C-alpha atoms as a PDB file:
ATOM      1  CA  MET A   1      34.278  26.216 -10.065  1.00  0.00           C
ATOM      2  CA  THR A   2      31.058  27.248 -10.957  1.00  0.00           C
ATOM      3  CA  ALA A   3      28.779  24.475  -9.785  1.00  0.00           C
ATOM      4  CA  SER A   4      26.367  22.447 -12.113  1.00  0.00           C
ATOM      5  CA  PRO A   5      22.246  22.629 -12.222  1.00  0.00           C
ATOM      6  CA  PRO A   6      20.310  21.201  -9.959  1.00  0.00           C
ATOM      7  CA  THR A   7      18.891  18.574 -12.687  1.00  0.00           C
ATOM      8  CA  SER A   8      22.249  17.174 -13.017  1.00  0.00           C
ATOM      9  CA  ARG A   9      22.795  16.863  -9.212  1.00  0.00           C
ATOM     10  CA  VAL A  10      23.509  13.482  -6.958  1.00  0.00           C
ATOM     11  CA  MET A  11      21.767  14.119  -3.775  1.00  0.00           C
ATOM     12  CA  VAL A  12      21.943  11.055  -1.730  1.00  0.00           C
ATOM     13  CA  LEU A  13      19.676  12.364   1.601  1.00  0.00           C
ATOM     14  CA  THR A  14      19.336   9.467   4.713  1.00  0.00           C
ATOM     15  CA  GLY A  15      16.608  10.236   7.030  1.00  0.00           C
ATOM     16  CA  ALA A  16      14.693  10.743   4.307  1.00  0.00           C
ATOM     17  CA  SER A  17      11.290   9.173   5.771  1.00  0.00           C
ATOM     18  CA  SER A  18       9.556  11.717   7.741  1.00  0.00           C
ATOM     19  CA  GLY A  19      10.207  15.574   8.953  1.00  0.00           C
ATOM     20  CA  ILE A  20      12.494  17.195   7.830  1.00  0.00           C
ATOM     21  CA  GLY A  21      13.704  14.064   5.273  1.00  0.00           C
ATOM     22  CA  ARG A  22      11.165  14.625   4.361  1.00  0.00           C
ATOM     23  CA  ALA A  23      10.598  17.899   3.570  1.00  0.00           C
ATOM     24  CA  ILE A  24      14.148  17.961   2.044  1.00  0.00           C
ATOM     25  CA  ALA A  25      13.569  15.476  -0.576  1.00  0.00           C
ATOM     26  CA  HIS A  26      10.043  17.020  -1.569  1.00  0.00           C
ATOM     27  CA  GLU A  27      11.480  20.699  -1.270  1.00  0.00           C
ATOM     28  CA  LEU A  28      15.259  18.869  -3.341  1.00  0.00           C
ATOM     29  CA  ALA A  29      12.848  17.431  -6.029  1.00  0.00           C
ATOM     30  CA  ARG A  30      11.108  20.399  -6.461  1.00  0.00           C
ATOM     31  CA  GLN A  31      14.588  22.028  -7.024  1.00  0.00           C
ATOM     32  CA  GLY A  32      14.920  19.156  -9.870  1.00  0.00           C
ATOM     33  CA  TYR A  33      17.925  17.151  -7.663  1.00  0.00           C
ATOM     34  CA  ARG A  34      18.240  13.663  -8.688  1.00  0.00           C
ATOM     35  CA  LEU A  35      17.921  11.639  -5.361  1.00  0.00           C
ATOM     36  CA  VAL A  36      19.078   8.741  -3.635  1.00  0.00           C
ATOM     37  CA  LEU A  37      16.959   8.536  -0.426  1.00  0.00           C
ATOM     38  CA  ALA A  38      18.155   6.774   2.629  1.00  0.00           C
ATOM     39  CA  ALA A  39      16.389   5.321   6.157  1.00  0.00           C
ATOM     40  CA  ARG A  40      15.277   2.157   8.028  1.00  0.00           C
ATOM     41  CA  ARG A  41      11.403   2.343   7.060  1.00  0.00           C
ATOM     42  CA  ALA A  42      11.182   0.914   3.516  1.00  0.00           C
ATOM     43  CA  ASP A  43       7.142   0.998   3.158  1.00  0.00           C
ATOM     44  CA  GLU A  44       7.192   4.610   4.069  1.00  0.00           C
ATOM     45  CA  LEU A  45      10.660   5.390   2.306  1.00  0.00           C
ATOM     46  CA  ASN A  46       9.621   4.206  -1.359  1.00  0.00           C
ATOM     47  CA  ARG A  47       6.202   5.432  -1.097  1.00  0.00           C
ATOM     48  CA  LEU A  48       7.795   8.446  -1.122  1.00  0.00           C
ATOM     49  CA  ALA A  49      10.034   7.713  -3.861  1.00  0.00           C
ATOM     50  CA  ARG A  50       6.719   7.277  -5.528  1.00  0.00           C
ATOM     51  CA  GLU A  51       5.254  10.203  -5.063  1.00  0.00           C
ATOM     52  CA  LEU A  52       8.258  12.589  -5.792  1.00  0.00           C
ATOM     53  CA  ASP A  53       8.952  10.542  -9.530  1.00  0.00           C
ATOM     54  CA  PRO A  54       6.396   7.747 -10.200  1.00  0.00           C
ATOM     55  CA  SER A  55       8.488   6.851 -13.423  1.00  0.00           C
ATOM     56  CA  GLY A  56      11.704   5.630 -10.835  1.00  0.00           C
ATOM     57  CA  SER A  57      14.132   7.679 -13.675  1.00  0.00           C
ATOM     58  CA  ARG A  58      14.793  10.382 -10.791  1.00  0.00           C
ATOM     59  CA  VAL A  59      14.401   9.616  -7.357  1.00  0.00           C
ATOM     60  CA  LEU A  60      15.811   5.972  -5.633  1.00  0.00           C
ATOM     61  CA  ALA A  61      15.129   4.131  -2.333  1.00  0.00           C
ATOM     62  CA  VAL A  62      17.538   2.750  -0.236  1.00  0.00           C
ATOM     63  CA  PRO A  63      16.836   1.431   2.863  1.00  0.00           C
ATOM     64  CA  THR A  64      19.727   1.417   4.997  1.00  0.00           C
ATOM     65  CA  ASP A  65      20.246   1.419   8.803  1.00  0.00           C
ATOM     66  CA  VAL A  66      22.695   4.136   8.760  1.00  0.00           C
ATOM     67  CA  THR A  67      24.837   2.501  12.077  1.00  0.00           C
ATOM     68  CA  ASP A  68      26.156  -0.373  10.368  1.00  0.00           C
ATOM     69  CA  ASP A  69      29.215  -0.205   8.379  1.00  0.00           C
ATOM     70  CA  ALA A  70      27.765  -1.877   5.533  1.00  0.00           C
ATOM     71  CA  SER A  71      24.328  -0.929   5.189  1.00  0.00           C
ATOM     72  CA  ARG A  72      26.620   1.932   4.265  1.00  0.00           C
ATOM     73  CA  ARG A  73      28.996   1.086   2.061  1.00  0.00           C
ATOM     74  CA  ALA A  74      25.683  -0.701  -0.380  1.00  0.00           C
ATOM     75  CA  LEU A  75      24.139   2.930   0.053  1.00  0.00           C
ATOM     76  CA  VAL A  76      26.715   4.939  -1.803  1.00  0.00           C
ATOM     77  CA  GLU A  77      27.515   1.732  -3.961  1.00  0.00           C
ATOM     78  CA  ALA A  78      23.968   1.981  -5.255  1.00  0.00           C
ATOM     79  CA  ALA A  79      24.015   5.508  -5.410  1.00  0.00           C
ATOM     80  CA  ARG A  80      27.070   5.640  -7.957  1.00  0.00           C
ATOM     81  CA  LYS A  81      25.166   2.406  -9.804  1.00  0.00           C
ATOM     82  CA  HIS A  82      22.143   4.128 -10.308  1.00  0.00           C
ATOM     83  CA  PHE A  83      23.782   7.714 -10.976  1.00  0.00           C
ATOM     84  CA  GLY A  84      27.250   7.341 -12.089  1.00  0.00           C
ATOM     85  CA  ARG A  85      28.285   9.841  -8.322  1.00  0.00           C
ATOM     86  CA  VAL A  86      27.836  11.588  -5.543  1.00  0.00           C
ATOM     87  CA  ASP A  87      27.610  15.455  -6.003  1.00  0.00           C
ATOM     88  CA  VAL A  88      26.161  16.147  -2.403  1.00  0.00           C
ATOM     89  CA  LEU A  89      25.274  14.426   0.856  1.00  0.00           C
ATOM     90  CA  VAL A  90      23.092  15.632   3.737  1.00  0.00           C
ATOM     91  CA  ASN A  91      23.138  13.925   6.454  1.00  0.00           C
ATOM     92  CA  ASN A  92      20.228  14.096   8.108  1.00  0.00           C
ATOM     93  CA  ALA A  93      19.450  10.709   9.994  1.00  0.00           C
ATOM     94  CA  GLY A  94      18.753  11.584  13.343  1.00  0.00           C
ATOM     95  CA  VAL A  95      17.770  10.207  17.048  1.00  0.00           C
ATOM     96  CA  THR A  96      17.595  10.806  20.482  1.00  0.00           C
ATOM     97  CA  VAL A  97      16.491   9.535  23.908  1.00  0.00           C
ATOM     98  CA  GLU A  98      12.581   9.949  23.467  1.00  0.00           C
ATOM     99  CA  ARG A  99      11.118   9.547  26.791  1.00  0.00           C
ATOM    100  CA  GLY A 100      13.604   8.708  30.933  1.00  0.00           C
ATOM    101  CA  TRP A 101      16.348  10.077  31.425  1.00  0.00           C
ATOM    102  CA  TRP A 102      19.019   9.126  28.829  1.00  0.00           C
ATOM    103  CA  TRP A 103      21.358   7.354  31.582  1.00  0.00           C
ATOM    104  CA  ASP A 104      18.481   5.507  32.683  1.00  0.00           C
ATOM    105  CA  ASP A 105      17.532   4.385  28.520  1.00  0.00           C
ATOM    106  CA  SER A 106      19.243   0.544  27.707  1.00  0.00           C
ATOM    107  CA  ASP A 107      20.794   2.206  24.685  1.00  0.00           C
ATOM    108  CA  PRO A 108      22.210   5.816  24.629  1.00  0.00           C
ATOM    109  CA  LEU A 109      24.692   5.596  22.948  1.00  0.00           C
ATOM    110  CA  ARG A 110      22.904   4.628  19.985  1.00  0.00           C
ATOM    111  CA  VAL A 111      22.246   8.302  19.036  1.00  0.00           C
ATOM    112  CA  LEU A 112      26.312   9.041  18.956  1.00  0.00           C
ATOM    113  CA  ARG A 113      25.812   6.466  16.530  1.00  0.00           C
ATOM    114  CA  VAL A 114      23.315   7.660  14.839  1.00  0.00           C
ATOM    115  CA  ASN A 115      23.866  11.341  15.241  1.00  0.00           C
ATOM    116  CA  LEU A 116      27.379  11.171  14.990  1.00  0.00           C
ATOM    117  CA  GLU A 117      29.840   8.440  13.888  1.00  0.00           C
ATOM    118  CA  SER A 118      26.719   7.518  11.000  1.00  0.00           C
ATOM    119  CA  PRO A 119      27.781  11.241   8.634  1.00  0.00           C
ATOM    120  CA  ILE A 120      31.862  11.027   9.785  1.00  0.00           C
ATOM    121  CA  GLU A 121      31.465   7.278   8.361  1.00  0.00           C
ATOM    122  CA  LEU A 122      29.388   8.573   4.754  1.00  0.00           C
ATOM    123  CA  THR A 123      31.486  11.532   4.447  1.00  0.00           C
ATOM    124  CA  ARG A 124      34.685   9.511   4.970  1.00  0.00           C
ATOM    125  CA  LEU A 125      33.106   7.011   1.597  1.00  0.00           C
ATOM    126  CA  VAL A 126      31.981   9.759  -0.618  1.00  0.00           C
ATOM    127  CA  LEU A 127      34.998  12.257  -0.660  1.00  0.00           C
ATOM    128  CA  PRO A 128      37.414  10.711  -2.410  1.00  0.00           C
ATOM    129  CA  GLU A 129      34.629  11.024  -5.885  1.00  0.00           C
ATOM    130  CA  MET A 130      34.099  14.621  -4.315  1.00  0.00           C
ATOM    131  CA  ARG A 131      38.091  15.030  -4.358  1.00  0.00           C
ATOM    132  CA  ALA A 132      39.252  13.352  -7.298  1.00  0.00           C
ATOM    133  CA  ARG A 133      36.324  15.498  -8.667  1.00  0.00           C
ATOM    134  CA  GLY A 134      36.939  18.434  -7.529  1.00  0.00           C
ATOM    135  CA  SER A 135      33.477  19.742  -6.176  1.00  0.00           C
ATOM    136  CA  GLY A 136      31.227  18.068  -3.866  1.00  0.00           C
ATOM    137  CA  HIS A 137      28.945  19.553  -0.930  1.00  0.00           C
ATOM    138  CA  ILE A 138      28.549  17.955   2.799  1.00  0.00           C
ATOM    139  CA  VAL A 139      25.652  18.972   4.664  1.00  0.00           C
ATOM    140  CA  ASN A 140      25.328  17.758   7.984  1.00  0.00           C
ATOM    141  CA  ILE A 141      22.252  18.753   9.831  1.00  0.00           C
ATOM    142  CA  GLY A 142      22.451  19.409  13.289  1.00  0.00           C
ATOM    143  CA  SER A 143      20.365  21.333  16.354  1.00  0.00           C
ATOM    144  CA  VAL A 144      20.735  24.698  17.899  1.00  0.00           C
ATOM    145  CA  ALA A 145      21.335  21.323  20.868  1.00  0.00           C
ATOM    146  CA  GLY A 146      24.554  21.802  19.270  1.00  0.00           C
ATOM    147  CA  ARG A 147      25.189  25.529  20.892  1.00  0.00           C
ATOM    148  CA  VAL A 148      23.179  25.411  23.906  1.00  0.00           C
ATOM    149  CA  PRO A 149      23.125  22.351  25.189  1.00  0.00           C
ATOM    150  CA  PHE A 150      19.862  20.583  27.617  1.00  0.00           C
ATOM    151  CA  ASN A 151      19.235  17.192  26.557  1.00  0.00           C
ATOM    152  CA  GLY A 152      22.847  14.912  27.673  1.00  0.00           C
ATOM    153  CA  LEU A 153      23.489  12.774  23.921  1.00  0.00           C
ATOM    154  CA  TYR A 154      22.094  14.363  21.624  1.00  0.00           C
ATOM    155  CA  SER A 155      23.484  17.478  22.701  1.00  0.00           C
ATOM    156  CA  ALA A 156      26.639  15.425  22.877  1.00  0.00           C
ATOM    157  CA  SER A 157      26.175  14.136  19.027  1.00  0.00           C
ATOM    158  CA  LYS A 158      24.969  17.700  17.926  1.00  0.00           C
ATOM    159  CA  PHE A 159      28.220  19.437  19.820  1.00  0.00           C
ATOM    160  CA  GLY A 160      30.580  16.611  17.748  1.00  0.00           C
ATOM    161  CA  LEU A 161      28.679  17.087  14.638  1.00  0.00           C
ATOM    162  CA  ARG A 162      29.140  21.036  14.966  1.00  0.00           C
ATOM    163  CA  GLY A 163      33.094  20.186  15.557  1.00  0.00           C
ATOM    164  CA  PHE A 164      33.191  17.835  13.020  1.00  0.00           C
ATOM    165  CA  SER A 165      31.285  19.994  10.275  1.00  0.00           C
ATOM    166  CA  GLN A 166      33.442  23.164  11.279  1.00  0.00           C
ATOM    167  CA  ALA A 167      36.844  21.206  10.918  1.00  0.00           C
ATOM    168  CA  LEU A 168      36.189  19.559   8.197  1.00  0.00           C
ATOM    169  CA  ARG A 169      35.472  23.007   6.139  1.00  0.00           C
ATOM    170  CA  ARG A 170      39.245  23.976   7.084  1.00  0.00           C
ATOM    171  CA  GLU A 171      40.101  21.266   6.076  1.00  0.00           C
ATOM    172  CA  LEU A 172      38.372  20.922   2.366  1.00  0.00           C
ATOM    173  CA  LEU A 173      39.409  24.512   1.679  1.00  0.00           C
ATOM    174  CA  GLY A 174      40.648  25.217  -1.777  1.00  0.00           C
ATOM    175  CA  THR A 175      39.793  21.428  -3.130  1.00  0.00           C
ATOM    176  CA  GLY A 176      35.775  22.590  -4.042  1.00  0.00           C
ATOM    177  CA  ILE A 177      34.584  21.106  -1.746  1.00  0.00           C
ATOM    178  CA  HIS A 178      31.413  22.795   0.592  1.00  0.00           C
ATOM    179  CA  VAL A 179      30.805  21.614   3.777  1.00  0.00           C
ATOM    180  CA  THR A 180      27.764  22.910   5.688  1.00  0.00           C
ATOM    181  CA  LEU A 181      25.769  22.388   9.193  1.00  0.00           C
ATOM    182  CA  VAL A 182      22.775  23.072   9.123  1.00  0.00           C
ATOM    183  CA  SER A 183      21.573  24.279  12.353  1.00  0.00           C
ATOM    184  CA  PRO A 184      16.947  23.665  13.035  1.00  0.00           C
ATOM    185  CA  GLY A 185      15.691  24.543  16.989  1.00  0.00           C
ATOM    186  CA  PHE A 186      12.664  23.284  17.715  1.00  0.00           C
ATOM    187  CA  VAL A 187      10.678  22.731  14.008  1.00  0.00           C
ATOM    188  CA  ARG A 188       7.180  20.075  13.634  1.00  0.00           C
ATOM    189  CA  SER A 189       9.244  16.326  13.812  1.00  0.00           C
ATOM    190  CA  GLU A 190       8.686  12.993  14.932  1.00  0.00           C
ATOM    191  CA  MET A 191      11.502  13.893  17.566  1.00  0.00           C
ATOM    192  CA  THR A 192       9.621  16.643  18.674  1.00  0.00           C
ATOM    193  CA  ARG A 193       5.725  15.790  18.663  1.00  0.00           C
ATOM    194  CA  ALA A 194       5.860  15.691  22.757  1.00  0.00           C
ATOM    195  CA  ALA A 195       6.644  19.020  22.666  1.00  0.00           C
ATOM    196  CA  ARG A 196       3.977  21.812  23.335  1.00  0.00           C
ATOM    197  CA  LEU A 197       5.358  25.184  22.059  1.00  0.00           C
ATOM    198  CA  PRO A 198       5.137  27.377  19.081  1.00  0.00           C
ATOM    199  CA  MET A 199       6.934  25.436  16.272  1.00  0.00           C
ATOM    200  CA  PRO A 200       7.312  25.782  12.491  1.00  0.00           C
ATOM    201  CA  GLY A 201       6.753  22.468  10.438  1.00  0.00           C
ATOM    202  CA  PRO A 202       9.888  21.396   8.964  1.00  0.00           C
ATOM    203  CA  GLU A 203       9.931  23.506   4.947  1.00  0.00           C
ATOM    204  CA  VAL A 204      11.415  25.557   6.573  1.00  0.00           C
ATOM    205  CA  VAL A 205      15.488  23.201   7.250  1.00  0.00           C
ATOM    206  CA  ALA A 206      14.490  21.932   3.867  1.00  0.00           C
ATOM    207  CA  GLN A 207      14.111  25.554   2.441  1.00  0.00           C
ATOM    208  CA  ALA A 208      17.250  26.757   4.497  1.00  0.00           C
ATOM    209  CA  VAL A 209      19.268  23.127   2.666  1.00  0.00           C
ATOM    210  CA  GLY A 210      17.666  23.921  -0.852  1.00  0.00           C
ATOM    211  CA  ASN A 211      19.511  27.520  -0.274  1.00  0.00           C
ATOM    212  CA  VAL A 212      23.147  26.780   0.889  1.00  0.00           C
ATOM    213  CA  LEU A 213      23.331  24.487  -1.551  1.00  0.00           C
ATOM    214  CA  GLU A 214      23.149  27.555  -4.543  1.00  0.00           C
ATOM    215  CA  ARG A 215      25.043  29.827  -2.060  1.00  0.00           C
ATOM    216  CA  PRO A 216      27.364  27.693   0.552  1.00  0.00           C
ATOM    217  CA  ARG A 217      27.611  29.075   3.821  1.00  0.00           C
ATOM    218  CA  ARG A 218      29.835  27.394   6.893  1.00  0.00           C
ATOM    219  CA  GLU A 219      27.027  28.191   9.398  1.00  0.00           C
ATOM    220  CA  VAL A 220      22.456  28.092   9.028  1.00  0.00           C
ATOM    221  CA  ILE A 221      20.615  27.880  12.257  1.00  0.00           C
ATOM    222  CA  VAL A 222      16.955  28.734  11.914  1.00  0.00           C
ATOM    223  CA  PRO A 223      14.305  30.088  12.570  1.00  0.00           C
ATOM    224  CA  ARG A 224      16.501  32.783  13.155  1.00  0.00           C
ATOM    225  CA  ALA A 225      14.686  34.174  16.911  1.00  0.00           C
ATOM    226  CA  TYR A 226      17.061  30.995  17.195  1.00  0.00           C
ATOM    227  CA  HIS A 227      20.107  33.445  16.680  1.00  0.00           C
ATOM    228  CA  LEU A 228      18.632  34.774  20.327  1.00  0.00           C
ATOM    229  CA  LEU A 229      19.057  32.532  22.420  1.00  0.00           C
ATOM    230  CA  VAL A 230      22.447  31.144  21.327  1.00  0.00           C
ATOM    231  CA  TRP A 231      23.960  34.052  21.441  1.00  0.00           C
ATOM    232  CA  LEU A 232      22.540  34.889  24.903  1.00  0.00           C
ATOM    233  CA  ASP A 233      23.442  31.660  26.267  1.00  0.00           C
ATOM    234  CA  ALA A 234      27.533  31.567  24.458  1.00  0.00           C
ATOM    235  CA  ALA A 235      27.137  35.771  26.735  1.00  0.00           C
ATOM    236  CA  PHE A 236      24.884  35.163  29.966  1.00  0.00           C
ATOM    237  CA  PRO A 237      25.268  30.892  30.884  1.00  0.00           C
ATOM    238  CA  GLY A 238      22.888  31.576  34.178  1.00  0.00           C
ATOM    239  CA  PHE A 239      20.582  32.588  32.368  1.00  0.00           C
ATOM    240  CA  GLY A 240      20.169  29.440  29.574  1.00  0.00           C
ATOM    241  CA  ASP A 241      20.902  27.516  32.976  1.00  0.00           C
ATOM    242  CA  ARG A 242      16.817  28.847  33.946  1.00  0.00           C
ATOM    243  CA  LEU A 243      15.770  29.269  30.346  1.00  0.00           C
ATOM    244  CA  VAL A 244      16.310  25.852  30.091  1.00  0.00           C
ATOM    245  CA  GLN A 245      14.649  24.041  33.361  1.00  0.00           C
ATOM    246  CA  PRO A 246      11.118  24.793  32.236  1.00  0.00           C
ATOM    247  CA  LEU A 247      11.613  22.857  29.236  1.00  0.00           C
ATOM    248  CA  LEU A 248      13.498  19.852  31.079  1.00  0.00           C
ATOM    249  CA  ARG A 249      10.564  19.469  33.596  1.00  0.00           C
ATOM    250  CA  ARG A 250       7.736  19.272  31.189  1.00  0.00           C
ATOM    251  CA  ARG A 251       9.671  16.736  29.210  1.00  0.00           C
ATOM    252  CA  TYR A 252      10.174  14.805  32.300  1.00  0.00           C
ATOM    253  CA  ALA A 253       7.356  15.682  34.401  1.00  0.00           C
ATOM    254  CA  HIS A 254       6.365  12.323  35.404  1.00  0.00           C
ATOM    255  CA  GLU A 255      10.491  10.659  35.726  1.00  0.00           C
ATOM    256  CA  LEU A 256      10.469  13.797  38.572  1.00  0.00           C
ATOM    257  CA  ARG A 257       6.934  12.757  39.660  1.00  0.00           C
ATOM    258  CA  GLY A 258       8.153   9.479  40.362  1.00  0.00           C
ATOM    259  CA  ALA A 259      11.160  10.114  41.689  1.00  0.00           C
ATOM    260  CA  ARG A 260       9.589  12.295  44.910  1.00  0.00           C
ATOM    261  CA  GLY A 261       7.150   9.303  45.637  1.00  0.00           C
ATOM    262  CA  GLU A 262       4.153  11.751  44.434  1.00  0.00           C
ATOM    263  CA  ALA A 263       1.037   9.446  42.783  1.00  0.00           C
END
């Protein structure tokens, strides 16, 4: 089935208020999509919506807690009430344990609730209308950490999201509904602000999302240089061990010094 032009397509985008989500919103608004923006921070979300569409006719801001069932349902219902349909769902909202070891965090399982449970539940809410219509696209924002593990709960969530995406794509073969996983490496965002690495901006992910909506693919890794890292870790796991150790040492330098009794 030939996809409808972007100007008639309605996209629901989670985690839209900053970082990768904000970049995706800008890219897809530029391409002409009608957008339903979801995030917890209402002020920033509404500011972004006004920035993208002062008229309010093509961009709708819906403050949403993606871990709450009622909030998820209200988001999808708002999209249908305002635009009449949902053509594309981009599950972008994501969190990690930002400081310290995950096992010392007071609620590490929130990473699974945001990164894995919420995409599954939102997908479940939009699939009936997509199946009835015979068209639609689910785009899940994964991570290279779902291919090269180095951060316990975050990697677990992204490995799970990759498995869900790949299986769902096969379950929906022949229905007219596409499923794509976009897996970024390190890009500049709130989540990576403490990482001291050369990183491209989130626009590289936004462009990848725009591209797969026009030419569907099962998985895209960006930037492309991370293909080599994924291959090396699969082929030579010991090399991967040596590669991630410096990253972990830098991230947890304070905790490591404390464990050794250093000042």
